[in-house]
Amino acid sequence: RGLQLSLDAAGDYEIKVEGLPNCVDTDSIRVDGTGDIVLQEVSYGVHHKPAVAGSEPLPDNAELEREAEAVAKQLRVLASRMREVESSKELLRSYATAMLSRDI
């Protein structure tokens, strides 16, 4: 990718390039210029934009861990209930088989 700028007035400028992928090779970043310029610094960093006003803040790790534990508990309860239903189903199947074999 390339970026070209023409700055009309003298002064200090900070130029930010957004939308680059997270996998940018920091050793591949090059900056050069022509004319009477002095490059004071070239740096690369990942900056996250602040949340949009009115949006919910991101949950912290402790909150996510509590939610994950609550979901895990629900899964354990549902798995237990499924085993009970399977057991009841087998009991009913055995009963029905025994009843049908008596009538024959």
C-alpha atoms as a PDB file:
ATOM      1  CA  ARG A   1       0.000   0.000   0.000  1.00  0.00           C
ATOM      2  CA  GLY A   2       1.132   3.506  -0.586  1.00  0.00           C
ATOM      3  CA  LEU A   3       0.096   6.889   0.692  1.00  0.00           C
ATOM      4  CA  GLN A   4       1.051  10.224  -0.874  1.00  0.00           C
ATOM      5  CA  LEU A   5       0.561  13.584   0.760  1.00  0.00           C
ATOM      6  CA  SER A   6       1.246  17.149  -0.271  1.00  0.00           C
ATOM      7  CA  LEU A   7       1.516  19.522   2.652  1.00  0.00           C
ATOM      8  CA  ASP A   8       1.218  23.164   1.592  1.00  0.00           C
ATOM      9  CA  ALA A   9       2.330  24.924   4.754  1.00  0.00           C
ATOM     10  CA  ALA A  10       5.352  24.527   6.982  1.00  0.00           C
ATOM     11  CA  GLY A  11       4.750  23.071  10.413  1.00  0.00           C
ATOM     12  CA  ASP A  12       4.579  19.927  12.461  1.00  0.00           C
ATOM     13  CA  TYR A  13       2.213  17.251  11.254  1.00  0.00           C
ATOM     14  CA  GLU A  14       1.010  13.992  12.722  1.00  0.00           C
ATOM     15  CA  ILE A  15      -0.287  11.606  10.114  1.00  0.00           C
ATOM     16  CA  LYS A  16      -2.355   8.577  11.139  1.00  0.00           C
ATOM     17  CA  VAL A  17      -3.197   5.810   8.711  1.00  0.00           C
ATOM     18  CA  GLU A  18      -6.286   3.849   9.731  1.00  0.00           C
ATOM     19  CA  GLY A  19      -7.750   0.596   8.549  1.00  0.00           C
ATOM     20  CA  LEU A  20      -4.545  -1.401   8.228  1.00  0.00           C
ATOM     21  CA  PRO A  21      -4.701  -5.082   9.157  1.00  0.00           C
ATOM     22  CA  ASN A  22      -3.402  -6.186  12.557  1.00  0.00           C
ATOM     23  CA  CYS A  23      -0.766  -8.354  10.889  1.00  0.00           C
ATOM     24  CA  VAL A  24       1.263  -5.435   9.502  1.00  0.00           C
ATOM     25  CA  ASP A  25       4.983  -6.204   9.484  1.00  0.00           C
ATOM     26  CA  THR A  26       6.376  -3.261  11.449  1.00  0.00           C
ATOM     27  CA  ASP A  27       9.740  -3.672   9.695  1.00  0.00           C
ATOM     28  CA  SER A  28       8.082  -3.007   6.341  1.00  0.00           C
ATOM     29  CA  ILE A  29       6.881   0.522   7.199  1.00  0.00           C
ATOM     30  CA  ARG A  30       8.804   3.136   5.239  1.00  0.00           C
ATOM     31  CA  VAL A  31       8.490   6.913   5.210  1.00  0.00           C
ATOM     32  CA  ASP A  32      10.339   9.296   2.940  1.00  0.00           C
ATOM     33  CA  GLY A  33       9.868  12.737   1.538  1.00  0.00           C
ATOM     34  CA  THR A  34      11.178  15.313  -0.871  1.00  0.00           C
ATOM     35  CA  GLY A  35      11.955  18.953  -0.390  1.00  0.00           C
ATOM     36  CA  ASP A  36      12.977  20.690   2.814  1.00  0.00           C
ATOM     37  CA  ILE A  37      11.499  18.282   5.315  1.00  0.00           C
ATOM     38  CA  VAL A  38      12.691  16.829   8.571  1.00  0.00           C
ATOM     39  CA  LEU A  39      11.170  13.556   9.689  1.00  0.00           C
ATOM     40  CA  GLN A  40      11.224  13.708  13.469  1.00  0.00           C
ATOM     41  CA  GLU A  41       9.652  10.340  14.201  1.00  0.00           C
ATOM     42  CA  VAL A  42       8.092   7.360  12.497  1.00  0.00           C
ATOM     43  CA  SER A  43       6.158   5.016  14.767  1.00  0.00           C
ATOM     44  CA  TYR A  44       3.632   2.253  14.476  1.00  0.00           C
ATOM     45  CA  GLY A  45       0.974   1.389  17.015  1.00  0.00           C
ATOM     46  CA  VAL A  46      -2.375  -0.267  17.307  1.00  0.00           C
ATOM     47  CA  HIS A  47      -4.982   2.103  18.622  1.00  0.00           C
ATOM     48  CA  HIS A  48      -8.522   1.076  19.428  1.00  0.00           C
ATOM     49  CA  LYS A  49     -11.217   3.590  18.839  1.00  0.00           C
ATOM     50  CA  PRO A  50     -13.327   4.484  21.869  1.00  0.00           C
ATOM     51  CA  ALA A  51     -16.822   3.078  22.010  1.00  0.00           C
ATOM     52  CA  VAL A  52     -19.498   5.030  20.209  1.00  0.00           C
ATOM     53  CA  ALA A  53     -21.577   7.240  22.506  1.00  0.00           C
ATOM     54  CA  GLY A  54     -24.648   5.396  23.705  1.00  0.00           C
ATOM     55  CA  SER A  55     -23.142   1.957  23.208  1.00  0.00           C
ATOM     56  CA  GLU A  56     -22.662  -0.425  26.091  1.00  0.00           C
ATOM     57  CA  PRO A  57     -19.209  -0.592  27.640  1.00  0.00           C
ATOM     58  CA  LEU A  58     -17.280  -3.803  27.102  1.00  0.00           C
ATOM     59  CA  PRO A  59     -17.664  -6.249  29.989  1.00  0.00           C
ATOM     60  CA  ASP A  60     -14.637  -6.931  32.152  1.00  0.00           C
ATOM     61  CA  ASN A  61     -13.040 -10.366  32.515  1.00  0.00           C
ATOM     62  CA  ALA A  62     -14.664 -11.078  35.891  1.00  0.00           C
ATOM     63  CA  GLU A  63     -18.119 -10.414  34.452  1.00  0.00           C
ATOM     64  CA  LEU A  64     -17.406 -12.655  31.447  1.00  0.00           C
ATOM     65  CA  GLU A  65     -16.146 -15.422  33.747  1.00  0.00           C
ATOM     66  CA  ARG A  66     -19.336 -15.190  35.850  1.00  0.00           C
ATOM     67  CA  GLU A  67     -21.450 -15.416  32.707  1.00  0.00           C
ATOM     68  CA  ALA A  68     -19.412 -18.373  31.426  1.00  0.00           C
ATOM     69  CA  GLU A  69     -19.827 -20.186  34.759  1.00  0.00           C
ATOM     70  CA  ALA A  70     -23.579 -19.516  34.710  1.00  0.00           C
ATOM     71  CA  VAL A  71     -23.822 -20.947  31.183  1.00  0.00           C
ATOM     72  CA  ALA A  72     -21.710 -23.960  32.197  1.00  0.00           C
ATOM     73  CA  LYS A  73     -24.052 -24.548  35.157  1.00  0.00           C
ATOM     74  CA  GLN A  74     -27.077 -24.383  32.853  1.00  0.00           C
ATOM     75  CA  LEU A  75     -25.420 -26.908  30.538  1.00  0.00           C
ATOM     76  CA  ARG A  76     -24.792 -29.273  33.458  1.00  0.00           C
ATOM     77  CA  VAL A  77     -28.438 -28.964  34.563  1.00  0.00           C
ATOM     78  CA  LEU A  78     -29.674 -29.599  31.015  1.00  0.00           C
ATOM     79  CA  ALA A  79     -27.345 -32.592  30.589  1.00  0.00           C
ATOM     80  CA  SER A  80     -28.656 -34.044  33.856  1.00  0.00           C
ATOM     81  CA  ARG A  81     -32.233 -33.485  32.724  1.00  0.00           C
ATOM     82  CA  MET A  82     -31.479 -35.178  29.395  1.00  0.00           C
ATOM     83  CA  ARG A  83     -30.130 -38.236  31.235  1.00  0.00           C
ATOM     84  CA  GLU A  84     -33.337 -38.351  33.315  1.00  0.00           C
ATOM     85  CA  VAL A  85     -35.481 -38.145  30.176  1.00  0.00           C
ATOM     86  CA  GLU A  86     -33.448 -40.894  28.477  1.00  0.00           C
ATOM     87  CA  SER A  87     -33.825 -43.071  31.568  1.00  0.00           C
ATOM     88  CA  SER A  88     -37.586 -42.474  31.629  1.00  0.00           C
ATOM     89  CA  LYS A  89     -37.786 -43.229  27.928  1.00  0.00           C
ATOM     90  CA  GLU A  90     -35.978 -46.549  28.409  1.00  0.00           C
ATOM     91  CA  LEU A  91     -38.216 -47.418  31.349  1.00  0.00           C
ATOM     92  CA  LEU A  92     -41.339 -46.719  29.284  1.00  0.00           C
ATOM     93  CA  ARG A  93     -39.936 -48.655  26.308  1.00  0.00           C
ATOM     94  CA  SER A  94     -39.247 -51.676  28.561  1.00  0.00           C
ATOM     95  CA  TYR A  95     -42.710 -51.429  30.102  1.00  0.00           C
ATOM     96  CA  ALA A  96     -44.375 -51.179  26.674  1.00  0.00           C
ATOM     97  CA  THR A  97     -42.373 -54.143  25.374  1.00  0.00           C
ATOM     98  CA  ALA A  98     -43.324 -56.214  28.421  1.00  0.00           C
ATOM     99  CA  MET A  99     -46.980 -55.283  28.090  1.00  0.00           C
ATOM    100  CA  LEU A 100     -47.066 -56.087  24.369  1.00  0.00           C
ATOM    101  CA  SER A 101     -45.365 -59.444  24.907  1.00  0.00           C
ATOM    102  CA  ARG A 102     -47.982 -60.381  27.536  1.00  0.00           C
ATOM    103  CA  ASP A 103     -50.819 -59.854  25.063  1.00  0.00           C
ATOM    104  CA  ILE A 104     -49.312 -62.165  22.437  1.00  0.00           C
END
